[in-house]
Amino acid sequence: MTETGKALFERILFVAVTLVLAYLVYLVLAPFLTPLVWAAILAIFFDSWKERFRARTGPTRAALATTLIAAALIITPAVFLLSMLVREMPLLVERLQQASVKAPDQVERIWAIARQRIPVSLPEDPAQLIGQQMQRGLSMLASGAGLALTNIFATLGSLFIFLFALFFLLRDGHELVELLIGLMPLPEHESRRLARETRDLIVASVGAGLAVAAAQGAIGGIAFWLLGIGAAGVWGVVMALSALIPVVGAALVWVPTAAWLMLSGELVRGIVLALVGVLGISMVDNILRPLLLSDKVSANGLVIFIGLLGGASAFGFVGLVVGPVILITAGSLLRMFQER
């Protein structure tokens, strides 16, 4: 074998071994990808906090203190919200069951027209259908709660892995970044620029998403409470979580509620809730998010929108952050190659 052939064979063998090892690494990490990705995202988000402690305590203690703060910020609200849900859920279920006993007159009239014009067999009383769906929803809720209790050890394990990884990423994150910059097939200044833009995008996306969700949940919960809608705290939490869903957002909660109030004869309360939803809850996203993202993320709105939808579809909840980051980072790489 000639020297050229031998070098080519060694290069092919090296690439093959690298690909095999990369696949094996993926198999090892696959069960823990979600907590590891969240740990990486929050390590970037809390890096500025860690740097403030580092000047006084050193890298290890700074990473530990930041990890404990992050754990408190995540676990404490979760426990509080869970206790509030447990406290208010019976009231919510009771109100929904009472509403399903007798449908409003407007709903009955619309139902009668629908039964005449739709060539499908429908029950005479719409309350029957509402009751059936209510029972089905309660059954799903009960089964989901049972599944959550069954998987409580898996959840605690994922939480431990997340916090463990978060500590080491906070402590050694800069070394990992330097390693990745050295591996990039780009000049050093371009690699550092790409890393800086990715970091700014993650920090801005996480901060803006949490702020918008909290604001929409607070406005919605207060509106429900002022309008006398039961379990306002539960609905505020649901709206805050729904605000993280692309396209529909918190409208998934307040639109059906406003429609139900109008059909129930509570026209004024329904109109007021609709106005609060359109001018308050929904407008928060259009005002607060651009304000928080200004001068931090320069990307087309369509790219972010597709990134949210595609990321959520491909990676689940964590894809709401990862999806836009992937698309915008890919765009930055293309621009860098074009400039070169």
C-alpha atoms as a PDB file:
ATOM      1  CA  MET A   1       0.000   0.000   0.000  1.00  0.00           C
ATOM      2  CA  THR A   2       1.377   3.428  -0.968  1.00  0.00           C
ATOM      3  CA  GLU A   3       1.778   6.217   1.560  1.00  0.00           C
ATOM      4  CA  THR A   4      -1.156   8.098  -0.007  1.00  0.00           C
ATOM      5  CA  GLY A   5      -3.393   5.014   0.122  1.00  0.00           C
ATOM      6  CA  LYS A   6      -2.361   4.277   3.683  1.00  0.00           C
ATOM      7  CA  ALA A   7      -3.124   7.848   4.776  1.00  0.00           C
ATOM      8  CA  LEU A   8      -6.523   7.699   3.050  1.00  0.00           C
ATOM      9  CA  PHE A   9      -7.334   4.373   4.733  1.00  0.00           C
ATOM     10  CA  GLU A  10      -6.333   5.734   8.145  1.00  0.00           C
ATOM     11  CA  ARG A  11      -8.482   8.810   7.609  1.00  0.00           C
ATOM     12  CA  ILE A  12     -11.503   6.724   6.586  1.00  0.00           C
ATOM     13  CA  LEU A  13     -10.969   4.406   9.555  1.00  0.00           C
ATOM     14  CA  PHE A  14     -10.705   7.381  11.910  1.00  0.00           C
ATOM     15  CA  VAL A  15     -13.960   8.891  10.586  1.00  0.00           C
ATOM     16  CA  ALA A  16     -15.730   5.517  10.841  1.00  0.00           C
ATOM     17  CA  VAL A  17     -14.590   4.971  14.437  1.00  0.00           C
ATOM     18  CA  THR A  18     -15.593   8.530  15.323  1.00  0.00           C
ATOM     19  CA  LEU A  19     -19.090   8.034  13.883  1.00  0.00           C
ATOM     20  CA  VAL A  20     -19.514   4.733  15.719  1.00  0.00           C
ATOM     21  CA  LEU A  21     -18.392   6.306  18.998  1.00  0.00           C
ATOM     22  CA  ALA A  22     -20.720   9.271  18.420  1.00  0.00           C
ATOM     23  CA  TYR A  23     -23.638   6.877  17.949  1.00  0.00           C
ATOM     24  CA  LEU A  24     -22.696   4.956  21.102  1.00  0.00           C
ATOM     25  CA  VAL A  25     -22.467   8.208  23.040  1.00  0.00           C
ATOM     26  CA  TYR A  26     -25.954   9.094  21.789  1.00  0.00           C
ATOM     27  CA  LEU A  27     -27.291   5.728  22.978  1.00  0.00           C
ATOM     28  CA  VAL A  28     -25.798   6.319  26.424  1.00  0.00           C
ATOM     29  CA  LEU A  29     -27.151   9.858  26.714  1.00  0.00           C
ATOM     30  CA  ALA A  30     -30.541   9.314  25.001  1.00  0.00           C
ATOM     31  CA  PRO A  31     -32.475   8.458  28.225  1.00  0.00           C
ATOM     32  CA  PHE A  32     -31.227  11.694  29.801  1.00  0.00           C
ATOM     33  CA  LEU A  33     -31.294  14.084  26.840  1.00  0.00           C
ATOM     34  CA  THR A  34     -34.215  16.181  28.085  1.00  0.00           C
ATOM     35  CA  PRO A  35     -32.785  16.982  31.562  1.00  0.00           C
ATOM     36  CA  LEU A  36     -29.317  17.459  30.037  1.00  0.00           C
ATOM     37  CA  VAL A  37     -30.624  19.908  27.427  1.00  0.00           C
ATOM     38  CA  TRP A  38     -32.554  21.827  30.076  1.00  0.00           C
ATOM     39  CA  ALA A  39     -29.420  21.885  32.232  1.00  0.00           C
ATOM     40  CA  ALA A  40     -27.416  23.343  29.330  1.00  0.00           C
ATOM     41  CA  ILE A  41     -30.104  25.968  28.621  1.00  0.00           C
ATOM     42  CA  LEU A  42     -30.361  27.071  32.251  1.00  0.00           C
ATOM     43  CA  ALA A  43     -26.589  26.969  32.708  1.00  0.00           C
ATOM     44  CA  ILE A  44     -26.365  29.571  29.955  1.00  0.00           C
ATOM     45  CA  PHE A  45     -29.284  31.524  31.453  1.00  0.00           C
ATOM     46  CA  PHE A  46     -27.806  31.587  34.983  1.00  0.00           C
ATOM     47  CA  ASP A  47     -24.185  32.078  33.901  1.00  0.00           C
ATOM     48  CA  SER A  48     -24.266  35.807  34.725  1.00  0.00           C
ATOM     49  CA  TRP A  49     -25.494  34.980  38.238  1.00  0.00           C
ATOM     50  CA  LYS A  50     -22.627  32.534  38.700  1.00  0.00           C
ATOM     51  CA  GLU A  51     -20.073  35.112  37.586  1.00  0.00           C
ATOM     52  CA  ARG A  52     -21.264  37.492  40.311  1.00  0.00           C
ATOM     53  CA  PHE A  53     -20.586  34.856  42.977  1.00  0.00           C
ATOM     54  CA  ARG A  54     -17.352  33.696  41.383  1.00  0.00           C
ATOM     55  CA  ALA A  55     -15.456  36.894  42.159  1.00  0.00           C
ATOM     56  CA  ARG A  56     -16.050  36.359  45.897  1.00  0.00           C
ATOM     57  CA  THR A  57     -16.293  32.596  46.402  1.00  0.00           C
ATOM     58  CA  GLY A  58     -14.423  30.859  43.583  1.00  0.00           C
ATOM     59  CA  PRO A  59     -15.785  28.742  40.718  1.00  0.00           C
ATOM     60  CA  THR A  60     -16.929  25.648  42.676  1.00  0.00           C
ATOM     61  CA  ARG A  61     -18.808  27.487  45.405  1.00  0.00           C
ATOM     62  CA  ALA A  62     -20.245  29.921  42.873  1.00  0.00           C
ATOM     63  CA  ALA A  63     -21.562  27.031  40.772  1.00  0.00           C
ATOM     64  CA  LEU A  64     -23.010  25.345  43.863  1.00  0.00           C
ATOM     65  CA  ALA A  65     -24.714  28.526  45.067  1.00  0.00           C
ATOM     66  CA  THR A  66     -26.170  29.205  41.619  1.00  0.00           C
ATOM     67  CA  THR A  67     -27.411  25.609  41.340  1.00  0.00           C
ATOM     68  CA  LEU A  68     -29.156  25.873  44.713  1.00  0.00           C
ATOM     69  CA  ILE A  69     -30.773  29.168  43.687  1.00  0.00           C
ATOM     70  CA  ALA A  70     -31.932  27.661  40.399  1.00  0.00           C
ATOM     71  CA  ALA A  71     -33.337  24.638  42.240  1.00  0.00           C
ATOM     72  CA  ALA A  72     -35.207  26.905  44.658  1.00  0.00           C
ATOM     73  CA  LEU A  73     -36.605  29.027  41.805  1.00  0.00           C
ATOM     74  CA  ILE A  74     -37.850  25.892  40.042  1.00  0.00           C
ATOM     75  CA  ILE A  75     -39.011  23.665  42.912  1.00  0.00           C
ATOM     76  CA  THR A  76     -40.597  26.292  45.195  1.00  0.00           C
ATOM     77  CA  PRO A  77     -43.079  27.662  42.599  1.00  0.00           C
ATOM     78  CA  ALA A  78     -43.845  24.105  41.457  1.00  0.00           C
ATOM     79  CA  VAL A  79     -44.737  23.030  45.015  1.00  0.00           C
ATOM     80  CA  PHE A  80     -46.782  26.205  45.551  1.00  0.00           C
ATOM     81  CA  LEU A  81     -48.708  25.772  42.301  1.00  0.00           C
ATOM     82  CA  LEU A  82     -49.298  22.084  42.997  1.00  0.00           C
ATOM     83  CA  SER A  83     -50.702  22.844  46.454  1.00  0.00           C
ATOM     84  CA  MET A  84     -52.933  25.553  44.981  1.00  0.00           C
ATOM     85  CA  LEU A  85     -54.183  23.186  42.288  1.00  0.00           C
ATOM     86  CA  VAL A  86     -54.934  20.506  44.874  1.00  0.00           C
ATOM     87  CA  ARG A  87     -56.788  23.053  47.003  1.00  0.00           C
ATOM     88  CA  GLU A  88     -58.895  24.564  44.218  1.00  0.00           C
ATOM     89  CA  MET A  89     -59.385  21.575  41.924  1.00  0.00           C
ATOM     90  CA  PRO A  90     -62.369  20.138  43.888  1.00  0.00           C
ATOM     91  CA  LEU A  91     -64.163  23.492  43.583  1.00  0.00           C
ATOM     92  CA  LEU A  92     -63.410  23.610  39.868  1.00  0.00           C
ATOM     93  CA  VAL A  93     -64.696  20.066  39.302  1.00  0.00           C
ATOM     94  CA  GLU A  94     -67.850  20.801  41.299  1.00  0.00           C
ATOM     95  CA  ARG A  95     -68.605  23.926  39.262  1.00  0.00           C
ATOM     96  CA  LEU A  96     -68.039  22.098  35.983  1.00  0.00           C
ATOM     97  CA  GLN A  97     -70.312  19.273  37.077  1.00  0.00           C
ATOM     98  CA  GLN A  98     -73.022  21.755  38.050  1.00  0.00           C
ATOM     99  CA  ALA A  99     -72.695  23.487  34.682  1.00  0.00           C
ATOM    100  CA  SER A 100     -73.070  20.188  32.873  1.00  0.00           C
ATOM    101  CA  VAL A 101     -76.346  19.283  34.634  1.00  0.00           C
ATOM    102  CA  LYS A 102     -78.422  21.762  32.654  1.00  0.00           C
ATOM    103  CA  ALA A 103     -77.204  23.431  29.485  1.00  0.00           C
ATOM    104  CA  PRO A 104     -78.020  27.141  28.986  1.00  0.00           C
ATOM    105  CA  ASP A 105     -81.085  28.062  26.938  1.00  0.00           C
ATOM    106  CA  GLN A 106     -78.974  29.534  24.127  1.00  0.00           C
ATOM    107  CA  VAL A 107     -76.993  26.316  23.872  1.00  0.00           C
ATOM    108  CA  GLU A 108     -80.221  24.286  23.782  1.00  0.00           C
ATOM    109  CA  ARG A 109     -81.589  26.393  20.919  1.00  0.00           C
ATOM    110  CA  ILE A 110     -78.348  26.077  18.945  1.00  0.00           C
ATOM    111  CA  TRP A 111     -78.324  22.356  19.715  1.00  0.00           C
ATOM    112  CA  ALA A 112     -81.885  21.930  18.404  1.00  0.00           C
ATOM    113  CA  ILE A 113     -80.959  23.656  15.129  1.00  0.00           C
ATOM    114  CA  ALA A 114     -77.841  21.526  14.825  1.00  0.00           C
ATOM    115  CA  ARG A 115     -79.829  18.302  15.358  1.00  0.00           C
ATOM    116  CA  GLN A 116     -82.163  19.288  12.523  1.00  0.00           C
ATOM    117  CA  ARG A 117     -79.448  20.165  10.010  1.00  0.00           C
ATOM    118  CA  ILE A 118     -76.608  17.758  10.840  1.00  0.00           C
ATOM    119  CA  PRO A 119     -77.172  14.230   9.455  1.00  0.00           C
ATOM    120  CA  VAL A 120     -75.641  12.648  12.559  1.00  0.00           C
ATOM    121  CA  SER A 121     -77.454  11.138  15.514  1.00  0.00           C
ATOM    122  CA  LEU A 122     -77.112  13.517  18.477  1.00  0.00           C
ATOM    123  CA  PRO A 123     -78.674  13.236  21.964  1.00  0.00           C
ATOM    124  CA  GLU A 124     -81.714  15.405  22.637  1.00  0.00           C
ATOM    125  CA  ASP A 125     -80.194  17.074  25.682  1.00  0.00           C
ATOM    126  CA  PRO A 126     -76.744  18.631  25.112  1.00  0.00           C
ATOM    127  CA  ALA A 127     -76.121  18.187  28.840  1.00  0.00           C
ATOM    128  CA  GLN A 128     -75.800  14.459  28.171  1.00  0.00           C
ATOM    129  CA  LEU A 129     -72.923  15.046  25.794  1.00  0.00           C
ATOM    130  CA  ILE A 130     -71.350  17.561  28.181  1.00  0.00           C
ATOM    131  CA  GLY A 131     -71.666  15.072  31.026  1.00  0.00           C
ATOM    132  CA  GLN A 132     -70.125  12.290  28.962  1.00  0.00           C
ATOM    133  CA  GLN A 133     -67.191  14.475  27.985  1.00  0.00           C
ATOM    134  CA  MET A 134     -66.856  15.632  31.593  1.00  0.00           C
ATOM    135  CA  GLN A 135     -66.662  12.063  32.845  1.00  0.00           C
ATOM    136  CA  ARG A 136     -64.152  11.214  30.126  1.00  0.00           C
ATOM    137  CA  GLY A 137     -62.030  14.227  31.045  1.00  0.00           C
ATOM    138  CA  LEU A 138     -62.136  13.368  34.743  1.00  0.00           C
ATOM    139  CA  SER A 139     -61.155   9.774  33.955  1.00  0.00           C
ATOM    140  CA  MET A 140     -58.202  10.983  31.885  1.00  0.00           C
ATOM    141  CA  LEU A 141     -57.213  13.353  34.682  1.00  0.00           C
ATOM    142  CA  ALA A 142     -57.353  10.543  37.228  1.00  0.00           C
ATOM    143  CA  SER A 143     -55.331   8.213  35.032  1.00  0.00           C
ATOM    144  CA  GLY A 144     -52.787  10.970  34.395  1.00  0.00           C
ATOM    145  CA  ALA A 145     -52.454  11.596  38.124  1.00  0.00           C
ATOM    146  CA  GLY A 146     -51.945   7.879  38.694  1.00  0.00           C
ATOM    147  CA  LEU A 147     -49.305   7.778  35.989  1.00  0.00           C
ATOM    148  CA  ALA A 148     -47.553  10.760  37.534  1.00  0.00           C
ATOM    149  CA  LEU A 149     -47.470   9.033  40.923  1.00  0.00           C
ATOM    150  CA  THR A 150     -46.209   5.858  39.282  1.00  0.00           C
ATOM    151  CA  ASN A 151     -43.403   7.756  37.576  1.00  0.00           C
ATOM    152  CA  ILE A 152     -42.520   9.880  40.582  1.00  0.00           C
ATOM    153  CA  PHE A 153     -39.171   8.123  41.001  1.00  0.00           C
ATOM    154  CA  ALA A 154     -38.362   8.694  37.322  1.00  0.00           C
ATOM    155  CA  THR A 155     -39.249  12.374  37.763  1.00  0.00           C
ATOM    156  CA  LEU A 156     -37.059  12.671  40.838  1.00  0.00           C
ATOM    157  CA  GLY A 157     -34.255  10.899  38.966  1.00  0.00           C
ATOM    158  CA  SER A 158     -34.530  13.339  36.056  1.00  0.00           C
ATOM    159  CA  LEU A 159     -34.509  16.241  38.512  1.00  0.00           C
ATOM    160  CA  PHE A 160     -31.353  14.895  40.174  1.00  0.00           C
ATOM    161  CA  ILE A 161     -29.629  14.458  36.795  1.00  0.00           C
ATOM    162  CA  PHE A 162     -30.696  17.973  35.796  1.00  0.00           C
ATOM    163  CA  LEU A 163     -29.301  19.574  38.958  1.00  0.00           C
ATOM    164  CA  PHE A 164     -26.131  17.458  38.863  1.00  0.00           C
ATOM    165  CA  ALA A 165     -25.488  18.414  35.227  1.00  0.00           C
ATOM    166  CA  LEU A 166     -26.361  22.043  35.917  1.00  0.00           C
ATOM    167  CA  PHE A 167     -23.700  22.256  38.635  1.00  0.00           C
ATOM    168  CA  PHE A 168     -20.929  20.887  36.423  1.00  0.00           C
ATOM    169  CA  LEU A 169     -21.999  22.950  33.408  1.00  0.00           C
ATOM    170  CA  LEU A 170     -21.941  26.083  35.536  1.00  0.00           C
ATOM    171  CA  ARG A 171     -18.538  25.209  36.980  1.00  0.00           C
ATOM    172  CA  ASP A 172     -16.853  23.940  33.801  1.00  0.00           C
ATOM    173  CA  GLY A 173     -19.037  25.529  31.144  1.00  0.00           C
ATOM    174  CA  HIS A 174     -16.430  27.972  29.922  1.00  0.00           C
ATOM    175  CA  GLU A 175     -13.953  25.149  29.337  1.00  0.00           C
ATOM    176  CA  LEU A 176     -16.559  23.256  27.283  1.00  0.00           C
ATOM    177  CA  VAL A 177     -17.272  26.381  25.251  1.00  0.00           C
ATOM    178  CA  GLU A 178     -13.578  26.835  24.530  1.00  0.00           C
ATOM    179  CA  LEU A 179     -13.386  23.191  23.438  1.00  0.00           C
ATOM    180  CA  LEU A 180     -16.345  23.610  21.066  1.00  0.00           C
ATOM    181  CA  ILE A 181     -14.876  26.826  19.656  1.00  0.00           C
ATOM    182  CA  GLY A 182     -11.622  25.000  18.955  1.00  0.00           C
ATOM    183  CA  LEU A 183     -13.488  22.201  17.145  1.00  0.00           C
ATOM    184  CA  MET A 184     -15.465  24.538  14.867  1.00  0.00           C
ATOM    185  CA  PRO A 185     -14.164  24.728  11.266  1.00  0.00           C
ATOM    186  CA  LEU A 186     -14.243  28.534  11.433  1.00  0.00           C
ATOM    187  CA  PRO A 187     -11.786  31.273  12.338  1.00  0.00           C
ATOM    188  CA  GLU A 188     -11.665  31.894  16.065  1.00  0.00           C
ATOM    189  CA  HIS A 189     -13.354  35.316  15.945  1.00  0.00           C
ATOM    190  CA  GLU A 190     -16.272  33.912  13.933  1.00  0.00           C
ATOM    191  CA  SER A 191     -16.629  30.927  16.266  1.00  0.00           C
ATOM    192  CA  ARG A 192     -16.711  33.235  19.267  1.00  0.00           C
ATOM    193  CA  ARG A 193     -19.249  35.478  17.577  1.00  0.00           C
ATOM    194  CA  LEU A 194     -21.478  32.469  16.867  1.00  0.00           C
ATOM    195  CA  ALA A 195     -21.188  31.274  20.476  1.00  0.00           C
ATOM    196  CA  ARG A 196     -22.000  34.758  21.766  1.00  0.00           C
ATOM    197  CA  GLU A 197     -25.056  35.093  19.502  1.00  0.00           C
ATOM    198  CA  THR A 198     -26.322  31.658  20.535  1.00  0.00           C
ATOM    199  CA  ARG A 199     -25.901  32.507  24.209  1.00  0.00           C
ATOM    200  CA  ASP A 200     -27.733  35.830  23.825  1.00  0.00           C
ATOM    201  CA  LEU A 201     -30.545  34.114  21.915  1.00  0.00           C
ATOM    202  CA  ILE A 202     -31.050  31.452  24.603  1.00  0.00           C
ATOM    203  CA  VAL A 203     -30.997  33.971  27.447  1.00  0.00           C
ATOM    204  CA  ALA A 204     -33.409  36.284  25.658  1.00  0.00           C
ATOM    205  CA  SER A 205     -35.776  33.485  24.602  1.00  0.00           C
ATOM    206  CA  VAL A 206     -36.000  31.903  28.043  1.00  0.00           C
ATOM    207  CA  GLY A 207     -36.389  35.221  29.837  1.00  0.00           C
ATOM    208  CA  ALA A 208     -38.985  36.574  27.414  1.00  0.00           C
ATOM    209  CA  GLY A 209     -40.987  33.332  27.378  1.00  0.00           C
ATOM    210  CA  LEU A 210     -41.167  33.123  31.167  1.00  0.00           C
ATOM    211  CA  ALA A 211     -42.019  36.796  31.548  1.00  0.00           C
ATOM    212  CA  VAL A 212     -44.808  36.658  28.956  1.00  0.00           C
ATOM    213  CA  ALA A 213     -46.271  33.456  30.435  1.00  0.00           C
ATOM    214  CA  ALA A 214     -46.229  34.884  33.963  1.00  0.00           C
ATOM    215  CA  ALA A 215     -47.804  38.162  32.840  1.00  0.00           C
ATOM    216  CA  GLN A 216     -50.560  36.466  30.840  1.00  0.00           C
ATOM    217  CA  GLY A 217     -51.326  34.040  33.669  1.00  0.00           C
ATOM    218  CA  ALA A 218     -51.468  36.885  36.211  1.00  0.00           C
ATOM    219  CA  ILE A 219     -53.729  39.057  34.047  1.00  0.00           C
ATOM    220  CA  GLY A 220     -55.994  36.130  33.224  1.00  0.00           C
ATOM    221  CA  GLY A 221     -56.218  34.939  36.840  1.00  0.00           C
ATOM    222  CA  ILE A 222     -57.026  38.447  38.115  1.00  0.00           C
ATOM    223  CA  ALA A 223     -59.642  38.905  35.381  1.00  0.00           C
ATOM    224  CA  PHE A 224     -61.293  35.586  36.274  1.00  0.00           C
ATOM    225  CA  TRP A 225     -61.278  36.543  39.964  1.00  0.00           C
ATOM    226  CA  LEU A 226     -62.800  39.999  39.360  1.00  0.00           C
ATOM    227  CA  LEU A 227     -65.492  38.490  37.141  1.00  0.00           C
ATOM    228  CA  GLY A 228     -66.402  35.958  39.796  1.00  0.00           C
ATOM    229  CA  ILE A 229     -65.297  32.878  37.834  1.00  0.00           C
ATOM    230  CA  GLY A 230     -64.540  29.976  40.152  1.00  0.00           C
ATOM    231  CA  ALA A 231     -61.048  28.588  40.722  1.00  0.00           C
ATOM    232  CA  ALA A 232     -59.426  31.715  39.297  1.00  0.00           C
ATOM    233  CA  GLY A 233     -56.015  30.644  40.589  1.00  0.00           C
ATOM    234  CA  VAL A 234     -56.212  27.339  38.746  1.00  0.00           C
ATOM    235  CA  TRP A 235     -57.232  29.049  35.519  1.00  0.00           C
ATOM    236  CA  GLY A 236     -54.415  31.574  35.929  1.00  0.00           C
ATOM    237  CA  VAL A 237     -51.912  28.716  36.209  1.00  0.00           C
ATOM    238  CA  VAL A 238     -53.451  26.971  33.190  1.00  0.00           C
ATOM    239  CA  MET A 239     -53.246  30.184  31.158  1.00  0.00           C
ATOM    240  CA  ALA A 240     -49.615  30.698  32.152  1.00  0.00           C
ATOM    241  CA  LEU A 241     -48.780  27.176  30.973  1.00  0.00           C
ATOM    242  CA  SER A 242     -50.895  27.581  27.821  1.00  0.00           C
ATOM    243  CA  ALA A 243     -49.024  30.799  27.021  1.00  0.00           C
ATOM    244  CA  LEU A 244     -45.984  28.636  26.254  1.00  0.00           C
ATOM    245  CA  ILE A 245     -47.900  26.849  23.458  1.00  0.00           C
ATOM    246  CA  PRO A 246     -47.274  28.426  20.035  1.00  0.00           C
ATOM    247  CA  VAL A 247     -50.149  30.014  18.067  1.00  0.00           C
ATOM    248  CA  VAL A 248     -53.040  29.437  20.517  1.00  0.00           C
ATOM    249  CA  GLY A 249     -51.397  30.396  23.798  1.00  0.00           C
ATOM    250  CA  ALA A 250     -53.632  31.571  26.652  1.00  0.00           C
ATOM    251  CA  ALA A 251     -56.539  31.976  24.213  1.00  0.00           C
ATOM    252  CA  LEU A 252     -56.999  28.236  24.622  1.00  0.00           C
ATOM    253  CA  VAL A 253     -58.551  29.070  28.014  1.00  0.00           C
ATOM    254  CA  TRP A 254     -60.162  32.504  27.893  1.00  0.00           C
ATOM    255  CA  VAL A 255     -61.858  32.216  24.473  1.00  0.00           C
ATOM    256  CA  PRO A 256     -64.032  29.172  25.375  1.00  0.00           C
ATOM    257  CA  THR A 257     -64.767  30.696  28.805  1.00  0.00           C
ATOM    258  CA  ALA A 258     -65.920  33.990  27.280  1.00  0.00           C
ATOM    259  CA  ALA A 259     -68.050  32.132  24.734  1.00  0.00           C
ATOM    260  CA  TRP A 260     -69.629  30.000  27.465  1.00  0.00           C
ATOM    261  CA  LEU A 261     -70.469  33.101  29.536  1.00  0.00           C
ATOM    262  CA  MET A 262     -72.164  34.740  26.550  1.00  0.00           C
ATOM    263  CA  LEU A 263     -74.154  31.606  25.717  1.00  0.00           C
ATOM    264  CA  SER A 264     -75.133  31.272  29.388  1.00  0.00           C
ATOM    265  CA  GLY A 265     -76.789  34.691  29.341  1.00  0.00           C
ATOM    266  CA  GLU A 266     -73.891  36.419  31.127  1.00  0.00           C
ATOM    267  CA  LEU A 267     -73.396  38.692  28.141  1.00  0.00           C
ATOM    268  CA  VAL A 268     -71.671  41.543  29.996  1.00  0.00           C
ATOM    269  CA  ARG A 269     -69.192  39.285  31.783  1.00  0.00           C
ATOM    270  CA  GLY A 270     -68.482  37.414  28.545  1.00  0.00           C
ATOM    271  CA  ILE A 271     -67.819  40.633  26.610  1.00  0.00           C
ATOM    272  CA  VAL A 272     -65.624  42.002  29.406  1.00  0.00           C
ATOM    273  CA  LEU A 273     -63.560  38.794  29.475  1.00  0.00           C
ATOM    274  CA  ALA A 274     -63.235  38.849  25.680  1.00  0.00           C
ATOM    275  CA  LEU A 275     -62.015  42.466  25.783  1.00  0.00           C
ATOM    276  CA  VAL A 276     -59.531  41.658  28.536  1.00  0.00           C
ATOM    277  CA  GLY A 277     -58.354  38.666  26.520  1.00  0.00           C
ATOM    278  CA  VAL A 278     -57.876  40.593  23.282  1.00  0.00           C
ATOM    279  CA  LEU A 279     -56.605  43.914  24.671  1.00  0.00           C
ATOM    280  CA  GLY A 280     -54.820  42.582  27.754  1.00  0.00           C
ATOM    281  CA  ILE A 281     -53.800  38.934  27.743  1.00  0.00           C
ATOM    282  CA  SER A 282     -53.016  38.615  24.027  1.00  0.00           C
ATOM    283  CA  MET A 283     -51.471  42.073  23.681  1.00  0.00           C
ATOM    284  CA  VAL A 284     -48.925  41.283  26.397  1.00  0.00           C
ATOM    285  CA  ASP A 285     -47.190  38.912  23.997  1.00  0.00           C
ATOM    286  CA  ASN A 286     -47.121  41.525  21.225  1.00  0.00           C
ATOM    287  CA  ILE A 287     -45.756  44.245  23.510  1.00  0.00           C
ATOM    288  CA  LEU A 288     -43.637  42.554  26.170  1.00  0.00           C
ATOM    289  CA  ARG A 289     -41.823  39.987  24.022  1.00  0.00           C
ATOM    290  CA  PRO A 290     -40.496  42.462  21.392  1.00  0.00           C
ATOM    291  CA  LEU A 291     -39.523  44.818  24.226  1.00  0.00           C
ATOM    292  CA  LEU A 292     -37.496  42.103  25.947  1.00  0.00           C
ATOM    293  CA  LEU A 293     -35.985  40.773  22.728  1.00  0.00           C
ATOM    294  CA  SER A 294     -35.081  44.134  21.196  1.00  0.00           C
ATOM    295  CA  ASP A 295     -31.368  44.561  20.435  1.00  0.00           C
ATOM    296  CA  LYS A 296     -30.789  40.925  21.500  1.00  0.00           C
ATOM    297  CA  VAL A 297     -32.249  38.827  18.704  1.00  0.00           C
ATOM    298  CA  SER A 298     -32.322  39.955  15.078  1.00  0.00           C
ATOM    299  CA  ALA A 299     -34.381  37.292  13.337  1.00  0.00           C
ATOM    300  CA  ASN A 300     -37.385  37.154  11.059  1.00  0.00           C
ATOM    301  CA  GLY A 301     -40.655  36.518  12.882  1.00  0.00           C
ATOM    302  CA  LEU A 302     -41.482  33.659  10.519  1.00  0.00           C
ATOM    303  CA  VAL A 303     -38.219  31.902  11.410  1.00  0.00           C
ATOM    304  CA  ILE A 304     -39.005  32.117  15.127  1.00  0.00           C
ATOM    305  CA  PHE A 305     -42.593  30.963  14.515  1.00  0.00           C
ATOM    306  CA  ILE A 306     -41.511  27.922  12.470  1.00  0.00           C
ATOM    307  CA  GLY A 307     -38.776  27.205  15.014  1.00  0.00           C
ATOM    308  CA  LEU A 308     -41.334  27.160  17.843  1.00  0.00           C
ATOM    309  CA  LEU A 309     -43.729  24.839  16.019  1.00  0.00           C
ATOM    310  CA  GLY A 310     -41.082  22.542  14.553  1.00  0.00           C
ATOM    311  CA  GLY A 311     -39.043  22.459  17.750  1.00  0.00           C
ATOM    312  CA  ALA A 312     -42.075  21.532  19.872  1.00  0.00           C
ATOM    313  CA  SER A 313     -43.049  18.832  17.368  1.00  0.00           C
ATOM    314  CA  ALA A 314     -39.546  17.350  17.181  1.00  0.00           C
ATOM    315  CA  PHE A 315     -38.277  17.732  20.757  1.00  0.00           C
ATOM    316  CA  GLY A 316     -41.345  18.316  22.917  1.00  0.00           C
ATOM    317  CA  PHE A 317     -41.516  21.148  25.445  1.00  0.00           C
ATOM    318  CA  VAL A 318     -37.788  21.830  25.357  1.00  0.00           C
ATOM    319  CA  GLY A 319     -38.114  22.384  21.595  1.00  0.00           C
ATOM    320  CA  LEU A 320     -39.779  25.741  22.279  1.00  0.00           C
ATOM    321  CA  VAL A 321     -36.274  26.977  23.133  1.00  0.00           C
ATOM    322  CA  VAL A 322     -34.152  24.631  21.022  1.00  0.00           C
ATOM    323  CA  GLY A 323     -36.134  25.002  17.761  1.00  0.00           C
ATOM    324  CA  PRO A 324     -35.597  28.755  17.193  1.00  0.00           C
ATOM    325  CA  VAL A 325     -31.984  28.454  18.396  1.00  0.00           C
ATOM    326  CA  ILE A 326     -31.245  25.771  15.779  1.00  0.00           C
ATOM    327  CA  LEU A 327     -32.765  27.747  12.890  1.00  0.00           C
ATOM    328  CA  ILE A 328     -31.204  31.072  13.857  1.00  0.00           C
ATOM    329  CA  THR A 329     -27.797  29.473  14.487  1.00  0.00           C
ATOM    330  CA  ALA A 330     -27.979  27.762  11.093  1.00  0.00           C
ATOM    331  CA  GLY A 331     -28.790  31.127   9.522  1.00  0.00           C
ATOM    332  CA  SER A 332     -25.810  32.713  11.269  1.00  0.00           C
ATOM    333  CA  LEU A 333     -23.526  29.966   9.941  1.00  0.00           C
ATOM    334  CA  LEU A 334     -24.785  30.512   6.397  1.00  0.00           C
ATOM    335  CA  ARG A 335     -24.147  34.241   6.684  1.00  0.00           C
ATOM    336  CA  MET A 336     -20.628  33.594   7.972  1.00  0.00           C
ATOM    337  CA  PHE A 337     -19.826  31.286   5.043  1.00  0.00           C
ATOM    338  CA  GLN A 338     -21.318  33.849   2.649  1.00  0.00           C
ATOM    339  CA  GLU A 339     -19.151  36.606   4.123  1.00  0.00           C
ATOM    340  CA  ARG A 340     -16.073  34.404   3.729  1.00  0.00           C
END
